[in-house]
Structures are given as C-alpha cells and as structure tokens.
C-alpha atoms as a PDB file:
ATOM      1  CA  MET A   1     -21.991  45.092 -69.341  1.00  0.00           C
ATOM      2  CA  ALA A   2     -22.676  41.401 -68.803  1.00  0.00           C
ATOM      3  CA  LEU A   3     -22.792  39.250 -71.905  1.00  0.00           C
ATOM      4  CA  VAL A   4     -25.077  36.614 -70.390  1.00  0.00           C
ATOM      5  CA  LYS A   5     -27.913  36.928 -67.884  1.00  0.00           C
ATOM      6  CA  LYS A   6     -29.538  34.477 -65.528  1.00  0.00           C
ATOM      7  CA  SER A   7     -32.178  33.693 -68.157  1.00  0.00           C
ATOM      8  CA  ASP A   8     -29.439  32.673 -70.639  1.00  0.00           C
ATOM      9  CA  LEU A   9     -28.036  29.931 -68.425  1.00  0.00           C
ATOM     10  CA  GLN A  10     -28.640  26.403 -69.633  1.00  0.00           C
ATOM     11  CA  PHE A  11     -29.207  24.767 -66.259  1.00  0.00           C
ATOM     12  CA  ASP A  12     -31.963  25.556 -63.795  1.00  0.00           C
ATOM     13  CA  ASP A  13     -30.616  23.834 -60.695  1.00  0.00           C
ATOM     14  CA  TYR A  14     -28.422  26.673 -59.443  1.00  0.00           C
ATOM     15  CA  ASP A  15     -28.841  27.977 -55.917  1.00  0.00           C
ATOM     16  CA  TRP A  16     -29.299  31.754 -55.968  1.00  0.00           C
ATOM     17  CA  THR A  17     -28.661  32.444 -52.285  1.00  0.00           C
ATOM     18  CA  ALA A  18     -25.313  33.058 -50.587  1.00  0.00           C
ATOM     19  CA  ALA A  19     -24.145  29.920 -48.851  1.00  0.00           C
ATOM     20  CA  LYS A  20     -21.453  31.515 -46.712  1.00  0.00           C
ATOM     21  CA  GLU A  21     -21.086  34.782 -44.864  1.00  0.00           C
ATOM     22  CA  HIS A  22     -18.112  35.779 -46.998  1.00  0.00           C
ATOM     23  CA  ASP A  23     -19.721  35.031 -50.386  1.00  0.00           C
ATOM     24  CA  ASN A  24     -19.531  38.030 -52.658  1.00  0.00           C
ATOM     25  CA  PRO A  25     -21.460  37.843 -55.938  1.00  0.00           C
ATOM     26  CA  VAL A  26     -19.656  40.857 -57.397  1.00  0.00           C
ATOM     27  CA  GLU A  27     -16.043  40.000 -56.668  1.00  0.00           C
ATOM     28  CA  THR A  28     -14.013  41.636 -59.412  1.00  0.00           C
ATOM     29  CA  HIS A  29     -10.941  39.409 -59.616  1.00  0.00           C
ATOM     30  CA  PHE A  30     -10.086  35.724 -59.548  1.00  0.00           C
ATOM     31  CA  PRO A  31      -7.516  34.880 -56.882  1.00  0.00           C
ATOM     32  CA  ASP A  32      -5.821  31.657 -57.951  1.00  0.00           C
ATOM     33  CA  ASN A  33      -6.563  29.888 -54.687  1.00  0.00           C
ATOM     34  CA  ARG A  34     -10.229  30.901 -54.433  1.00  0.00           C
ATOM     35  CA  GLU A  35     -12.741  28.193 -55.240  1.00  0.00           C
ATOM     36  CA  LEU A  36     -15.768  28.565 -57.483  1.00  0.00           C
ATOM     37  CA  ALA A  37     -19.020  27.294 -56.011  1.00  0.00           C
ATOM     38  CA  ARG A  38     -20.276  25.647 -59.196  1.00  0.00           C
ATOM     39  CA  LYS A  39     -23.843  25.231 -57.969  1.00  0.00           C
ATOM     40  CA  GLU A  40     -24.266  28.834 -56.792  1.00  0.00           C
ATOM     41  CA  GLY A  41     -25.876  30.697 -59.656  1.00  0.00           C
ATOM     42  CA  TYR A  42     -24.611  34.181 -58.934  1.00  0.00           C
ATOM     43  CA  GLU A  43     -21.014  32.912 -58.667  1.00  0.00           C
ATOM     44  CA  VAL A  44     -21.245  30.956 -61.912  1.00  0.00           C
ATOM     45  CA  LEU A  45     -22.921  33.846 -63.723  1.00  0.00           C
ATOM     46  CA  HIS A  46     -20.314  36.318 -62.518  1.00  0.00           C
ATOM     47  CA  TYR A  47     -17.504  33.890 -63.376  1.00  0.00           C
ATOM     48  CA  LEU A  48     -18.831  33.306 -66.895  1.00  0.00           C
ATOM     49  CA  ASN A  49     -19.203  37.016 -67.583  1.00  0.00           C
ATOM     50  CA  ARG A  50     -15.788  37.840 -66.151  1.00  0.00           C
ATOM     51  CA  VAL A  51     -14.103  35.178 -68.290  1.00  0.00           C
ATOM     52  CA  ALA A  52     -16.030  36.494 -71.320  1.00  0.00           C
ATOM     53  CA  GLU A  53     -14.801  40.005 -70.579  1.00  0.00           C
ATOM     54  CA  LEU A  54     -11.183  38.939 -70.078  1.00  0.00           C
ATOM     55  CA  SER A  55     -11.326  36.766 -73.206  1.00  0.00           C
ATOM     56  CA  LYS A  56     -12.988  39.553 -75.204  1.00  0.00           C
ATOM     57  CA  TRP A  57     -15.818  37.247 -76.268  1.00  0.00           C
ATOM     58  CA  THR A  58     -18.609  39.101 -78.034  1.00  0.00           C
ATOM     59  CA  THR A  59     -21.076  36.255 -78.525  1.00  0.00           C
ATOM     60  CA  LYS A  60     -22.796  33.977 -76.033  1.00  0.00           C
ATOM     61  CA  ALA A  61     -21.711  30.702 -77.639  1.00  0.00           C
ATOM     62  CA  PRO A  62     -18.302  30.360 -75.935  1.00  0.00           C
ATOM     63  CA  VAL A  63     -19.764  31.487 -72.607  1.00  0.00           C
ATOM     64  CA  LEU A  64     -22.437  28.817 -72.764  1.00  0.00           C
ATOM     65  CA  LYS A  65     -19.819  26.247 -73.780  1.00  0.00           C
ATOM     66  CA  LEU A  66     -17.845  27.232 -70.693  1.00  0.00           C
ATOM     67  CA  GLU A  67     -20.967  26.781 -68.573  1.00  0.00           C
ATOM     68  CA  ARG A  68     -21.386  23.239 -69.936  1.00  0.00           C
ATOM     69  CA  MET A  69     -17.709  22.520 -69.319  1.00  0.00           C
ATOM     70  CA  LEU A  70     -18.032  23.589 -65.678  1.00  0.00           C
ATOM     71  CA  ARG A  71     -20.529  20.754 -65.272  1.00  0.00           C
ATOM     72  CA  LYS A  72     -17.922  18.253 -66.516  1.00  0.00           C
ATOM     73  CA  LEU A  73     -15.073  19.386 -64.284  1.00  0.00           C
ATOM     74  CA  PRO A  74     -13.585  16.617 -62.171  1.00  0.00           C
ATOM     75  CA  GLY A  75     -14.619  17.044 -58.531  1.00  0.00           C
ATOM     76  CA  ASP A  76     -11.099  17.774 -57.299  1.00  0.00           C
ATOM     77  CA  ILE A  77     -10.755  20.838 -59.544  1.00  0.00           C
ATOM     78  CA  ARG A  78     -12.133  23.802 -57.629  1.00  0.00           C
ATOM     79  CA  SER A  79      -9.709  26.734 -57.585  1.00  0.00           C
ATOM     80  CA  PHE A  80      -9.836  29.379 -60.289  1.00  0.00           C
ATOM     81  CA  ARG A  81      -6.287  28.510 -61.402  1.00  0.00           C
ATOM     82  CA  LYS A  82      -7.073  24.791 -61.729  1.00  0.00           C
ATOM     83  CA  ILE A  83     -10.386  25.482 -63.475  1.00  0.00           C
ATOM     84  CA  HIS A  84      -8.634  27.763 -65.951  1.00  0.00           C
ATOM     85  CA  ASP A  85      -5.907  25.195 -66.643  1.00  0.00           C
ATOM     86  CA  TRP A  86      -8.464  22.393 -67.125  1.00  0.00           C
ATOM     87  CA  VAL A  87     -10.648  24.487 -69.447  1.00  0.00           C
ATOM     88  CA  VAL A  88      -7.663  25.511 -71.593  1.00  0.00           C
ATOM     89  CA  ALA A  89      -6.444  21.910 -71.801  1.00  0.00           C
ATOM     90  CA  ASN A  90      -9.909  20.547 -72.648  1.00  0.00           C
ATOM     91  CA  TRP A  91     -11.537  23.339 -74.685  1.00  0.00           C
ATOM     92  CA  ASN A  92     -11.211  21.555 -78.033  1.00  0.00           C
ATOM     93  CA  ASN A  93     -12.545  18.287 -76.606  1.00  0.00           C
ATOM     94  CA  HIS A  94     -15.949  19.742 -75.694  1.00  0.00           C
ATOM     95  CA  SER A  95     -18.794  21.178 -77.674  1.00  0.00           C
END
C-alpha cells in the first residue's frame, strides 16, 4: 500500500499525463540507467512510494523530504542510480 498519495505531495505543478508512449506509471523496479521525469506527477509519486517501501519508511516525513530533495537535484542528475547516490550523499544537508 502506498504511503503517500497525490494529495500529500507538496508541489502542485506536476504534470499528470504520460509524456511518452513508453511511460509506465506502475513500473515496479528502478533500472539504474532509467531516468526519472521529475515533473511528471505519477512518476514522482510512484518513485517516492517505491523508495519508501524499499527503505521501510513508515511515516510520511522522509518521503516528503525526498520529494523536496528531488526539486534541488542538479540538472545533470537524472538516472535512478545517480539520483540515489546524490540523495544518500546529501540527505543530512537537507531538511
């Protein structure tokens, strides 16, 4: 079950339509080379909930922190592997 829902997200400027023919809002894994479309709401929501599940988070606070951190990612960081590495390296520097 998803920890956060669309109504929990802190930003309201997400696009909620698929931008590409191959977009899949329910993809169940994170291939290292796949890129996260940070402005597509269903991708961000799925990503946040999947990270919460893998991290065994039980409260919304770290998920919402991750959402805020996604907004601060440098533009050249797009793949799941690079996002993960950046978040781990910068987790304690963000609130």
